[in-house]
Amino acid sequence: MTESIRGASGGFRLAKDLDQITVLDVLEAVEEGVALAPCTAGDGVCDRSVDCGLSNFWYETEEEIRNQLKVKSIQSIMDKYID
């Protein structure tokens, strides 16, 4: 998502335009993700997820949120909420 520029005037900049970077991209880049419950956080995090009646609910809800975050670009957020 970022690229480095070498030299005296170097530094970091975004590798894509803001309309091409989604909220999900940012969350995944900073390793936050969208885990809503321990059972969706990864294998082995919750030892009860196999027997839990709510784990499917959490997986489905998380997927719906991920789908929304995939279509919201940083530019669209700025356009809507920032003057």
Protein backbone atom coordinates (compact mmCIF):
# COMPACT_ATOMS: atom_id res chain seq x y z
CA MET A 1 0.00 0.00 0.00
CA THR A 2 3.02 2.27 0.44
CA GLU A 3 6.23 2.60 -1.44
CA SER A 4 9.53 4.09 -0.40
CA ILE A 5 11.45 6.80 -2.21
CA ARG A 6 15.21 6.81 -1.78
CA GLY A 7 17.39 9.87 -1.51
CA ALA A 8 17.58 13.18 0.34
CA SER A 9 13.97 14.03 -0.48
CA GLY A 10 12.86 10.47 0.01
CA GLY A 11 10.29 8.97 2.30
CA PHE A 12 7.09 7.02 1.91
CA ARG A 13 4.00 7.62 -0.17
CA LEU A 14 0.86 5.74 -1.01
CA ALA A 15 1.35 3.29 -3.86
CA LYS A 16 -2.25 3.68 -5.06
CA ASP A 17 -4.74 6.51 -5.42
CA LEU A 18 -7.12 7.02 -2.51
CA ASP A 19 -10.04 5.79 -4.58
CA GLN A 20 -8.24 2.46 -5.03
CA ILE A 21 -7.47 1.85 -1.35
CA THR A 22 -10.32 0.32 0.63
CA VAL A 23 -10.97 0.49 4.34
CA LEU A 24 -10.38 -3.26 4.44
CA ASP A 25 -6.97 -2.75 2.80
CA VAL A 26 -6.00 -0.38 5.62
CA LEU A 27 -7.28 -2.67 8.39
CA GLU A 28 -5.40 -5.63 6.94
CA ALA A 29 -2.23 -3.58 6.39
CA VAL A 30 -2.07 -2.66 10.07
CA GLU A 31 -2.96 -6.26 10.99
CA GLU A 32 -6.20 -5.33 12.72
CA GLY A 33 -8.61 -7.22 10.48
CA VAL A 34 -12.29 -7.52 11.29
CA ALA A 35 -12.47 -10.38 13.82
CA LEU A 36 -15.68 -9.94 15.79
CA ALA A 37 -15.29 -12.94 18.08
CA PRO A 38 -12.48 -15.29 19.10
CA CYS A 39 -13.85 -18.05 16.86
CA THR A 40 -13.30 -15.88 13.76
CA ALA A 41 -9.86 -14.62 14.78
CA GLY A 42 -8.03 -17.68 13.46
CA ASP A 43 -7.50 -21.37 13.89
CA GLY A 44 -6.95 -22.48 17.45
CA VAL A 45 -7.93 -19.18 19.07
CA CYS A 46 -11.19 -20.56 20.42
CA ASP A 47 -11.30 -24.23 21.36
CA ARG A 48 -15.12 -24.18 21.55
CA SER A 49 -15.86 -22.93 18.03
CA VAL A 50 -16.63 -26.45 16.72
CA ASP A 51 -19.41 -26.92 19.29
CA CYS A 52 -20.58 -23.31 19.47
CA GLY A 53 -24.00 -22.58 18.03
CA LEU A 54 -23.08 -18.93 17.44
CA SER A 55 -19.83 -19.35 15.54
CA ASN A 56 -21.65 -19.48 12.19
CA PHE A 57 -23.48 -16.27 13.10
CA TRP A 58 -20.16 -14.55 13.82
CA TYR A 59 -18.58 -15.83 10.59
CA GLU A 60 -21.54 -14.65 8.50
CA THR A 61 -21.71 -11.26 10.21
CA GLU A 62 -17.97 -10.76 9.81
CA GLU A 63 -18.20 -11.63 6.11
CA GLU A 64 -20.98 -9.05 5.62
CA ILE A 65 -18.85 -6.39 7.28
CA ARG A 66 -15.78 -7.37 5.23
CA ASN A 67 -17.85 -7.09 2.05
CA GLN A 68 -18.91 -3.56 3.01
CA LEU A 69 -15.35 -2.53 3.88
CA LYS A 70 -14.12 -3.91 0.53
CA VAL A 71 -16.25 -1.44 -1.41
CA LYS A 72 -15.59 1.67 0.72
CA SER A 73 -12.53 3.51 -0.53
CA ILE A 74 -10.60 6.02 1.51
CA GLN A 75 -11.59 8.65 -1.05
CA SER A 76 -15.30 7.84 -0.71
CA ILE A 77 -15.04 8.18 3.07
CA MET A 78 -13.28 11.52 2.73
CA ASP A 79 -15.80 12.77 0.20
CA LYS A 80 -18.72 11.87 2.42
CA TYR A 81 -17.47 12.77 5.89
CA ILE A 82 -14.63 15.28 5.58
CA ASP A 83 -15.20 18.86 4.41
